[in-house]
PDB file of N, CA and C in Angstrom:
ATOM      1  N   UNK A   1      69.298 -11.934 110.378  1.00  0.00           N
ATOM      2  CA  UNK A   1      70.287 -11.696 109.346  1.00  0.00           C
ATOM      3  C   UNK A   1      70.201 -12.819 108.309  1.00  0.00           C
ATOM      4  N   UNK A   2      70.303 -12.464 107.059  1.00  0.00           N
ATOM      5  CA  UNK A   2      70.242 -13.410 105.959  1.00  0.00           C
ATOM      6  C   UNK A   2      71.509 -14.271 105.939  1.00  0.00           C
ATOM      7  N   UNK A   3      71.366 -15.587 105.857  1.00  0.00           N
ATOM      8  CA  UNK A   3      72.501 -16.504 105.892  1.00  0.00           C
ATOM      9  C   UNK A   3      73.404 -16.354 104.668  1.00  0.00           C
ATOM     10  N   UNK A   4      72.810 -16.049 103.491  1.00  0.00           N
ATOM     11  CA  UNK A   4      73.622 -15.844 102.279  1.00  0.00           C
ATOM     12  C   UNK A   4      74.509 -14.610 102.438  1.00  0.00           C
ATOM     13  N   UNK A   5      73.964 -13.571 103.040  1.00  0.00           N
ATOM     14  CA  UNK A   5      74.737 -12.357 103.277  1.00  0.00           C
ATOM     15  C   UNK A   5      75.895 -12.656 104.228  1.00  0.00           C
ATOM     16  N   UNK A   6      75.635 -13.431 105.273  1.00  0.00           N
ATOM     17  CA  UNK A   6      76.674 -13.791 106.238  1.00  0.00           C
ATOM     18  C   UNK A   6      77.798 -14.567 105.557  1.00  0.00           C
ATOM     19  N   UNK A   7      77.460 -15.507 104.672  1.00  0.00           N
ATOM     20  CA  UNK A   7      78.478 -16.263 103.942  1.00  0.00           C
ATOM     21  C   UNK A   7      79.306 -15.355 103.038  1.00  0.00           C
ATOM     22  N   UNK A   8      78.662 -14.386 102.400  1.00  0.00           N
ATOM     23  CA  UNK A   8      79.392 -13.457 101.539  1.00  0.00           C
ATOM     24  C   UNK A   8      80.372 -12.618 102.352  1.00  0.00           C
ATOM     25  N   UNK A   9      79.928 -12.168 103.524  1.00  0.00           N
ATOM     26  CA  UNK A   9      80.802 -11.368 104.382  1.00  0.00           C
ATOM     27  C   UNK A   9      81.982 -12.212 104.866  1.00  0.00           C
ATOM     28  N   UNK A  10      81.731 -13.444 105.260  1.00  0.00           N
ATOM     29  CA  UNK A  10      82.807 -14.322 105.712  1.00  0.00           C
ATOM     30  C   UNK A  10      83.793 -14.623 104.581  1.00  0.00           C
ATOM     31  N   UNK A  11      83.276 -14.861 103.375  1.00  0.00           N
ATOM     32  CA  UNK A  11      84.146 -15.132 102.230  1.00  0.00           C
ATOM     33  C   UNK A  11      84.996 -13.909 101.894  1.00  0.00           C
ATOM     34  N   UNK A  12      84.405 -12.731 101.931  1.00  0.00           N
ATOM     35  CA  UNK A  12      85.147 -11.501 101.657  1.00  0.00           C
ATOM     36  C   UNK A  12      86.224 -11.262 102.719  1.00  0.00           C
ATOM     37  N   UNK A  13      85.895 -11.546 103.966  1.00  0.00           N
ATOM     38  CA  UNK A  13      86.867 -11.391 105.055  1.00  0.00           C
ATOM     39  C   UNK A  13      88.029 -12.361 104.890  1.00  0.00           C
ATOM     40  N   UNK A  14      87.734 -13.600 104.520  1.00  0.00           N
ATOM     41  CA  UNK A  14      88.781 -14.592 104.317  1.00  0.00           C
ATOM     42  C   UNK A  14      89.693 -14.188 103.160  1.00  0.00           C
ATOM     43  N   UNK A  15      89.116 -13.665 102.086  1.00  0.00           N
ATOM     44  CA  UNK A  15      89.900 -13.212 100.942  1.00  0.00           C
ATOM     45  C   UNK A  15      90.791 -12.044 101.341  1.00  0.00           C
ATOM     46  N   UNK A  16      90.266 -11.112 102.117  1.00  0.00           N
ATOM     47  CA  UNK A  16      91.048  -9.971 102.574  1.00  0.00           C
ATOM     48  C   UNK A  16      92.232 -10.429 103.424  1.00  0.00           C
ATOM     49  N   UNK A  17      92.009 -11.388 104.315  1.00  0.00           N
ATOM     50  CA  UNK A  17      93.102 -11.909 105.136  1.00  0.00           C
ATOM     51  C   UNK A  17      94.172 -12.576 104.287  1.00  0.00           C
ATOM     52  N   UNK A  18      93.765 -13.309 103.248  1.00  0.00           N
ATOM     53  CA  UNK A  18      94.742 -13.938 102.355  1.00  0.00           C
ATOM     54  C   UNK A  18      95.588 -12.894 101.645  1.00  0.00           C
ATOM     55  N   UNK A  19      94.958 -11.831 101.174  1.00  0.00           N
ATOM     56  CA  UNK A  19      95.688 -10.764 100.479  1.00  0.00           C
ATOM     57  C   UNK A  19      96.651 -10.073 101.428  1.00  0.00           C
ATOM     58  N   UNK A  20      96.209  -9.773 102.638  1.00  0.00           N
ATOM     59  CA  UNK A  20      97.069  -9.103 103.610  1.00  0.00           C
ATOM     60  C   UNK A  20      98.245  -9.984 104.005  1.00  0.00           C
ATOM     61  N   UNK A  21      98.020 -11.275 104.182  1.00  0.00           N
ATOM     62  CA  UNK A  21      99.106 -12.179 104.538  1.00  0.00           C
ATOM     63  C   UNK A  21     100.095 -12.332 103.403  1.00  0.00           C
ATOM     64  N   UNK A  22      99.637 -12.350 102.161  1.00  0.00           N
ATOM     65  CA  UNK A  22     100.532 -12.492 101.011  1.00  0.00           C
ATOM     66  C   UNK A  22     101.446 -11.280 100.896  1.00  0.00           C
ATOM     67  N   UNK A  23     100.916 -10.080 101.093  1.00  0.00           N
ATOM     68  CA  UNK A  23     101.744  -8.886 100.962  1.00  0.00           C
ATOM     69  C   UNK A  23     102.666  -8.709 102.162  1.00  0.00           C
ATOM     70  N   UNK A  24     102.347  -9.323 103.287  1.00  0.00           N
ATOM     71  CA  UNK A  24     103.192  -9.206 104.471  1.00  0.00           C
ATOM     72  C   UNK A  24     104.480 -10.004 104.326  1.00  0.00           C
ATOM     73  N   UNK A  25     104.559 -10.898 103.354  1.00  0.00           N
ATOM     74  CA  UNK A  25     105.752 -11.707 103.165  1.00  0.00           C
ATOM     75  C   UNK A  25     106.851 -10.954 102.430  1.00  0.00           C
ATOM     76  N   UNK A  26     106.567  -9.758 101.948  1.00  0.00           N
ATOM     77  CA  UNK A  26     107.544  -8.969 101.221  1.00  0.00           C
ATOM     78  C   UNK A  26     107.995  -7.786 102.080  1.00  0.00           C
ATOM     79  N   UNK A  27     109.290  -7.472 101.995  1.00  0.00           N
ATOM     80  CA  UNK A  27     109.835  -6.336 102.711  1.00  0.00           C
ATOM     81  C   UNK A  27     110.051  -5.208 101.716  1.00  0.00           C
ATOM     82  N   UNK A  28     109.593  -4.022 102.041  1.00  0.00           N
ATOM     83  CA  UNK A  28     109.727  -2.873 101.141  1.00  0.00           C
ATOM     84  C   UNK A  28     110.876  -1.990 101.621  1.00  0.00           C
ATOM     85  N   UNK A  29     111.668  -1.501 100.676  1.00  0.00           N
ATOM     86  CA  UNK A  29     112.781  -0.604 100.950  1.00  0.00           C
ATOM     87  C   UNK A  29     112.432   0.756 100.362  1.00  0.00           C
ATOM     88  N   UNK A  30     112.360   1.780 101.219  1.00  0.00           N
ATOM     89  CA  UNK A  30     112.030   3.128 100.779  1.00  0.00           C
ATOM     90  C   UNK A  30     113.283   4.000 100.764  1.00  0.00           C
ATOM     91  N   UNK A  31     113.272   5.032  99.918  1.00  0.00           N
ATOM     92  CA  UNK A  31     114.332   6.024  99.914  1.00  0.00           C
ATOM     93  C   UNK A  31     114.094   7.001 101.058  1.00  0.00           C
ATOM     94  N   UNK A  32     115.187   7.601 101.545  1.00  0.00           N
ATOM     95  CA  UNK A  32     115.085   8.644 102.563  1.00  0.00           C
ATOM     96  C   UNK A  32     115.877   9.858 102.110  1.00  0.00           C
ATOM     97  N   UNK A  33     115.467  11.026 102.606  1.00  0.00           N
ATOM     98  CA  UNK A  33     116.250  12.230 102.330  1.00  0.00           C
ATOM     99  C   UNK A  33     117.344  12.366 103.379  1.00  0.00           C
ATOM    100  N   UNK A  34     118.133  13.442 103.292  1.00  0.00           N
ATOM    101  CA  UNK A  34     119.270  13.607 104.201  1.00  0.00           C
ATOM    102  C   UNK A  34     118.848  13.791 105.655  1.00  0.00           C
ATOM    103  N   UNK A  35     117.601  14.197 105.896  1.00  0.00           N
ATOM    104  CA  UNK A  35     117.097  14.372 107.260  1.00  0.00           C
ATOM    105  C   UNK A  35     116.490  13.084 107.811  1.00  0.00           C
ATOM    106  N   UNK A  36     116.408  12.042 106.984  1.00  0.00           N
ATOM    107  CA  UNK A  36     115.867  10.771 107.441  1.00  0.00           C
ATOM    108  C   UNK A  36     114.378  10.606 107.198  1.00  0.00           C
ATOM    109  N   UNK A  37     113.765  11.523 106.446  1.00  0.00           N
ATOM    110  CA  UNK A  37     112.335  11.415 106.133  1.00  0.00           C
ATOM    111  C   UNK A  37     112.128  10.406 105.013  1.00  0.00           C
ATOM    112  N   UNK A  38     111.202   9.495 105.204  1.00  0.00           N
ATOM    113  CA  UNK A  38     110.907   8.477 104.190  1.00  0.00           C
ATOM    114  C   UNK A  38     110.223   9.125 103.001  1.00  0.00           C
ATOM    115  N   UNK A  39     110.705   8.813 101.801  1.00  0.00           N
ATOM    116  CA  UNK A  39     110.195   9.393 100.563  1.00  0.00           C
ATOM    117  C   UNK A  39     109.225   8.397  99.917  1.00  0.00           C
ATOM    118  N   UNK A  40     107.989   8.378 100.400  1.00  0.00           N
ATOM    119  CA  UNK A  40     106.991   7.440  99.897  1.00  0.00           C
ATOM    120  C   UNK A  40     106.606   7.713  98.448  1.00  0.00           C
ATOM    121  N   UNK A  41     106.780   8.950  97.983  1.00  0.00           N
ATOM    122  CA  UNK A  41     106.389   9.326  96.626  1.00  0.00           C
ATOM    123  C   UNK A  41     107.450   8.945  95.584  1.00  0.00           C
ATOM    124  N   UNK A  42     108.606   8.462  96.012  1.00  0.00           N
ATOM    125  CA  UNK A  42     109.681   8.084  95.092  1.00  0.00           C
ATOM    126  C   UNK A  42     109.682   6.570  94.902  1.00  0.00           C
ATOM    127  N   UNK A  43     110.344   6.097  93.844  1.00  0.00           N
ATOM    128  CA  UNK A  43     110.423   4.639  93.632  1.00  0.00           C
ATOM    129  C   UNK A  43     111.045   3.936  94.835  1.00  0.00           C
ATOM    130  N   UNK A  44     110.587   2.717  95.074  1.00  0.00           N
ATOM    131  CA  UNK A  44     111.100   1.909  96.174  1.00  0.00           C
ATOM    132  C   UNK A  44     111.440   0.528  95.616  1.00  0.00           C
ATOM    133  N   UNK A  45     111.772  -0.391  96.485  1.00  0.00           N
ATOM    134  CA  UNK A  45     112.076  -1.751  96.068  1.00  0.00           C
ATOM    135  C   UNK A  45     111.395  -2.719  97.021  1.00  0.00           C
ATOM    136  N   UNK A  46     111.187  -3.941  96.547  1.00  0.00           N
ATOM    137  CA  UNK A  46     110.570  -4.988  97.350  1.00  0.00           C
ATOM    138  C   UNK A  46     111.522  -6.168  97.395  1.00  0.00           C
ATOM    139  N   UNK A  47     111.740  -6.717  98.601  1.00  0.00           N
ATOM    140  CA  UNK A  47     112.492  -7.960  98.733  1.00  0.00           C
ATOM    141  C   UNK A  47     111.463  -9.067  98.871  1.00  0.00           C
ATOM    142  N   UNK A  48     111.377  -9.918  97.870  1.00  0.00           N
ATOM    143  CA  UNK A  48     110.412 -11.005  97.893  1.00  0.00           C
ATOM    144  C   UNK A  48     110.940 -12.134  98.762  1.00  0.00           C
ATOM    145  N   UNK A  49     110.051 -13.047  99.153  1.00  0.00           N
ATOM    146  CA  UNK A  49     110.455 -14.111 100.073  1.00  0.00           C
ATOM    147  C   UNK A  49     111.493 -15.055  99.467  1.00  0.00           C
ATOM    148  N   UNK A  50     111.629 -15.076  98.131  1.00  0.00           N
ATOM    149  CA  UNK A  50     112.657 -15.911  97.506  1.00  0.00           C
ATOM    150  C   UNK A  50     113.997 -15.193  97.381  1.00  0.00           C
ATOM    151  N   UNK A  51     114.088 -13.940  97.888  1.00  0.00           N
ATOM    152  CA  UNK A  51     115.338 -13.199  97.872  1.00  0.00           C
ATOM    153  C   UNK A  51     115.495 -12.255  96.704  1.00  0.00           C
ATOM    154  N   UNK A  52     114.542 -12.223  95.789  1.00  0.00           N
ATOM    155  CA  UNK A  52     114.630 -11.310  94.653  1.00  0.00           C
ATOM    156  C   UNK A  52     114.288  -9.895  95.088  1.00  0.00           C
ATOM    157  N   UNK A  53     115.031  -8.927  94.574  1.00  0.00           N
ATOM    158  CA  UNK A  53     114.790  -7.517  94.845  1.00  0.00           C
ATOM    159  C   UNK A  53     114.289  -6.888  93.554  1.00  0.00           C
ATOM    160  N   UNK A  54     113.079  -6.335  93.585  1.00  0.00           N
ATOM    161  CA  UNK A  54     112.432  -5.785  92.401  1.00  0.00           C
ATOM    162  C   UNK A  54     112.070  -4.331  92.685  1.00  0.00           C
ATOM    163  N   UNK A  55     112.376  -3.441  91.741  1.00  0.00           N
ATOM    164  CA  UNK A  55     112.013  -2.029  91.884  1.00  0.00           C
ATOM    165  C   UNK A  55     110.511  -1.858  91.703  1.00  0.00           C
ATOM    166  N   UNK A  56     109.928  -0.936  92.478  1.00  0.00           N
ATOM    167  CA  UNK A  56     108.504  -0.628  92.374  1.00  0.00           C
ATOM    168  C   UNK A  56     108.324   0.876  92.249  1.00  0.00           C
ATOM    169  N   UNK A  57     107.164   1.292  91.751  1.00  0.00           N
ATOM    170  CA  UNK A  57     106.864   2.718  91.724  1.00  0.00           C
ATOM    171  C   UNK A  57     106.239   3.124  93.056  1.00  0.00           C
ATOM    172  N   UNK A  58     105.845   4.380  93.169  1.00  0.00           N
ATOM    173  CA  UNK A  58     105.324   4.882  94.444  1.00  0.00           C
ATOM    174  C   UNK A  58     104.009   4.235  94.848  1.00  0.00           C
ATOM    175  N   UNK A  59     103.279   3.659  93.889  1.00  0.00           N
ATOM    176  CA  UNK A  59     102.005   3.006  94.190  1.00  0.00           C
ATOM    177  C   UNK A  59     102.213   1.550  94.611  1.00  0.00           C
ATOM    178  N   UNK A  60     103.339   0.962  94.226  1.00  0.00           N
ATOM    179  CA  UNK A  60     103.624  -0.422  94.579  1.00  0.00           C
ATOM    180  C   UNK A  60     103.641  -1.369  93.394  1.00  0.00           C
ATOM    181  N   UNK A  61     103.478  -0.851  92.174  1.00  0.00           N
ATOM    182  CA  UNK A  61     103.540  -1.695  90.983  1.00  0.00           C
ATOM    183  C   UNK A  61     104.984  -2.118  90.735  1.00  0.00           C
ATOM    184  N   UNK A  62     105.201  -3.397  90.543  1.00  0.00           N
ATOM    185  CA  UNK A  62     106.555  -3.920  90.336  1.00  0.00           C
ATOM    186  C   UNK A  62     107.000  -3.680  88.901  1.00  0.00           C
ATOM    187  N   UNK A  63     108.250  -3.290  88.752  1.00  0.00           N
ATOM    188  CA  UNK A  63     108.839  -3.015  87.445  1.00  0.00           C
ATOM    189  C   UNK A  63     109.828  -4.130  87.109  1.00  0.00           C
ATOM    190  N   UNK A  64     109.298  -5.210  86.573  1.00  0.00           N
ATOM    191  CA  UNK A  64     110.134  -6.366  86.256  1.00  0.00           C
ATOM    192  C   UNK A  64     111.080  -6.093  85.098  1.00  0.00           C
ATOM    193  N   UNK A  65     110.798  -5.064  84.287  1.00  0.00           N
ATOM    194  CA  UNK A  65     111.653  -4.743  83.147  1.00  0.00           C
ATOM    195  C   UNK A  65     112.913  -3.984  83.562  1.00  0.00           C
ATOM    196  N   UNK A  66     112.998  -3.527  84.802  1.00  0.00           N
ATOM    197  CA  UNK A  66     114.174  -2.813  85.289  1.00  0.00           C
ATOM    198  C   UNK A  66     115.127  -3.801  85.962  1.00  0.00           C
ATOM    199  N   UNK A  67     116.338  -3.320  86.254  1.00  0.00           N
ATOM    200  CA  UNK A  67     117.356  -4.180  86.862  1.00  0.00           C
ATOM    201  C   UNK A  67     116.833  -4.803  88.151  1.00  0.00           C
ATOM    202  N   UNK A  68     117.037  -6.111  88.300  1.00  0.00           N
ATOM    203  CA  UNK A  68     116.645  -6.836  89.499  1.00  0.00           C
ATOM    204  C   UNK A  68     117.883  -7.453  90.122  1.00  0.00           C
ATOM    205  N   UNK A  69     117.735  -7.844  91.375  1.00  0.00           N
ATOM    206  CA  UNK A  69     118.837  -8.450  92.104  1.00  0.00           C
ATOM    207  C   UNK A  69     118.325  -9.681  92.831  1.00  0.00           C
ATOM    208  N   UNK A  70     119.246 -10.568  93.200  1.00  0.00           N
ATOM    209  CA  UNK A  70     118.910 -11.795  93.927  1.00  0.00           C
ATOM    210  C   UNK A  70     119.877 -11.926  95.090  1.00  0.00           C
ATOM    211  N   UNK A  71     119.349 -12.119  96.300  1.00  0.00           N
ATOM    212  CA  UNK A  71     120.189 -12.370  97.463  1.00  0.00           C
ATOM    213  C   UNK A  71     120.354 -13.877  97.578  1.00  0.00           C
ATOM    214  N   UNK A  72     121.612 -14.339  97.565  1.00  0.00           N
ATOM    215  CA  UNK A  72     121.882 -15.771  97.631  1.00  0.00           C
ATOM    216  C   UNK A  72     123.196 -15.988  98.374  1.00  0.00           C
ATOM    217  N   UNK A  73     123.143 -16.731  99.464  1.00  0.00           N
ATOM    218  CA  UNK A  73     124.325 -17.065 100.260  1.00  0.00           C
ATOM    219  C   UNK A  73     125.117 -15.830 100.685  1.00  0.00           C
ATOM    220  N   UNK A  74     124.432 -14.773 101.111  1.00  0.00           N
ATOM    221  CA  UNK A  74     125.090 -13.575 101.588  1.00  0.00           C
ATOM    222  C   UNK A  74     125.654 -12.688 100.508  1.00  0.00           C
ATOM    223  N   UNK A  75     125.342 -12.958  99.257  1.00  0.00           N
ATOM    224  CA  UNK A  75     125.813 -12.139  98.141  1.00  0.00           C
ATOM    225  C   UNK A  75     124.606 -11.623  97.367  1.00  0.00           C
ATOM    226  N   UNK A  76     124.774 -10.463  96.744  1.00  0.00           N
ATOM    227  CA  UNK A  76     123.712  -9.859  95.956  1.00  0.00           C
ATOM    228  C   UNK A  76     124.126  -9.905  94.495  1.00  0.00           C
ATOM    229  N   UNK A  77     123.405 -10.680  93.701  1.00  0.00           N
ATOM    230  CA  UNK A  77     123.702 -10.863  92.285  1.00  0.00           C
ATOM    231  C   UNK A  77     122.717 -10.063  91.440  1.00  0.00           C
ATOM    232  N   UNK A  78     123.187  -9.568  90.282  1.00  0.00           N
ATOM    233  CA  UNK A  78     122.285  -8.969  89.309  1.00  0.00           C
ATOM    234  C   UNK A  78     121.573 -10.087  88.565  1.00  0.00           C
ATOM    235  N   UNK A  79     120.297  -9.868  88.234  1.00  0.00           N
ATOM    236  CA  UNK A  79     119.536 -10.874  87.497  1.00  0.00           C
ATOM    237  C   UNK A  79     118.899 -10.239  86.265  1.00  0.00           C
ATOM    238  N   UNK A  80     118.459 -11.092  85.351  1.00  0.00           N
ATOM    239  CA  UNK A  80     117.712 -10.585  84.199  1.00  0.00           C
ATOM    240  C   UNK A  80     116.241 -10.446  84.584  1.00  0.00           C
ATOM    241  N   UNK A  81     115.389 -10.129  83.617  1.00  0.00           N
ATOM    242  CA  UNK A  81     113.990  -9.827  83.911  1.00  0.00           C
ATOM    243  C   UNK A  81     113.181 -11.026  84.401  1.00  0.00           C
ATOM    244  N   UNK A  82     113.658 -12.250  84.171  1.00  0.00           N
ATOM    245  CA  UNK A  82     112.931 -13.428  84.654  1.00  0.00           C
ATOM    246  C   UNK A  82     113.566 -14.028  85.899  1.00  0.00           C
ATOM    247  N   UNK A  83     114.664 -13.426  86.383  1.00  0.00           N
ATOM    248  CA  UNK A  83     115.264 -13.877  87.636  1.00  0.00           C
ATOM    249  C   UNK A  83     116.486 -14.752  87.498  1.00  0.00           C
ATOM    250  N   UNK A  84     117.016 -14.944  86.286  1.00  0.00           N
ATOM    251  CA  UNK A  84     118.233 -15.732  86.117  1.00  0.00           C
ATOM    252  C   UNK A  84     119.438 -14.908  86.564  1.00  0.00           C
ATOM    253  N   UNK A  85     120.255 -15.478  87.441  1.00  0.00           N
ATOM    254  CA  UNK A  85     121.419 -14.767  87.963  1.00  0.00           C
ATOM    255  C   UNK A  85     122.434 -14.557  86.851  1.00  0.00           C
ATOM    256  N   UNK A  86     122.960 -13.331  86.781  1.00  0.00           N
ATOM    257  CA  UNK A  86     123.980 -12.964  85.806  1.00  0.00           C
ATOM    258  C   UNK A  86     125.343 -13.035  86.510  1.00  0.00           C
ATOM    259  N   UNK A  87     125.937 -14.234  86.546  1.00  0.00           N
ATOM    260  CA  UNK A  87     127.178 -14.446  87.284  1.00  0.00           C
ATOM    261  C   UNK A  87     128.346 -13.643  86.714  1.00  0.00           C
ATOM    262  N   UNK A  88     128.289 -13.247  85.446  1.00  0.00           N
ATOM    263  CA  UNK A  88     129.378 -12.509  84.822  1.00  0.00           C
ATOM    264  C   UNK A  88     129.357 -11.021  85.160  1.00  0.00           C
ATOM    265  N   UNK A  89     128.332 -10.561  85.865  1.00  0.00           N
ATOM    266  CA  UNK A  89     128.231  -9.151  86.245  1.00  0.00           C
ATOM    267  C   UNK A  89     128.681  -8.968  87.695  1.00  0.00           C
ATOM    268  N   UNK A  90     129.102  -7.740  88.063  1.00  0.00           N
ATOM    269  CA  UNK A  90     129.561  -7.499  89.450  1.00  0.00           C
ATOM    270  C   UNK A  90     128.487  -7.839  90.473  1.00  0.00           C
ATOM    271  N   UNK A  91     128.932  -8.250  91.657  1.00  0.00           N
ATOM    272  CA  UNK A  91     128.010  -8.597  92.740  1.00  0.00           C
ATOM    273  C   UNK A  91     128.396  -7.867  93.998  1.00  0.00           C
ATOM    274  N   UNK A  92     127.447  -7.776  94.925  1.00  0.00           N
ATOM    275  CA  UNK A  92     127.686  -7.172  96.231  1.00  0.00           C
ATOM    276  C   UNK A  92     127.747  -8.254  97.293  1.00  0.00           C
ATOM    277  N   UNK A  93     128.286  -7.900  98.455  1.00  0.00           N
ATOM    278  CA  UNK A  93     128.412  -8.844  99.563  1.00  0.00           C
ATOM    279  C   UNK A  93     127.733  -8.229 100.778  1.00  0.00           C
ATOM    280  N   UNK A  94     126.981  -9.040 101.525  1.00  0.00           N
ATOM    281  CA  UNK A  94     126.331  -8.601 102.749  1.00  0.00           C
ATOM    282  C   UNK A  94     127.223  -8.975 103.920  1.00  0.00           C
ATOM    283  N   UNK A  95     127.645  -7.974 104.704  1.00  0.00           N
ATOM    284  CA  UNK A  95     128.482  -8.212 105.888  1.00  0.00           C
ATOM    285  C   UNK A  95     127.752  -7.719 107.115  1.00  0.00           C
ATOM    286  N   UNK A  96     127.939  -8.423 108.212  1.00  0.00           N
ATOM    287  CA  UNK A  96     127.292  -8.046 109.474  1.00  0.00           C
ATOM    288  C   UNK A  96     128.251  -7.304 110.370  1.00  0.00           C
TER     289      UNK A  96
END
């Protein structure tokens, strides 16, 4: 086996693992119908590791221009497109 080919395969594998690990840090929220079937073809949302909630399309592209939210200290705040919390807007509370 050619050593250059082996290095290319190892580099590609390492890159793939980095990509998979990066996407694993985000939690995706899908819509469901009344029967409990997941609606993968409809818009969903992603909870990023910093607590920001961003809407995505069915393919997974993030829509930063749409309303975003931030989870902070058990409360859900509305944010602007760059992530600044809008304290003057209504917020939600997370209860267990």
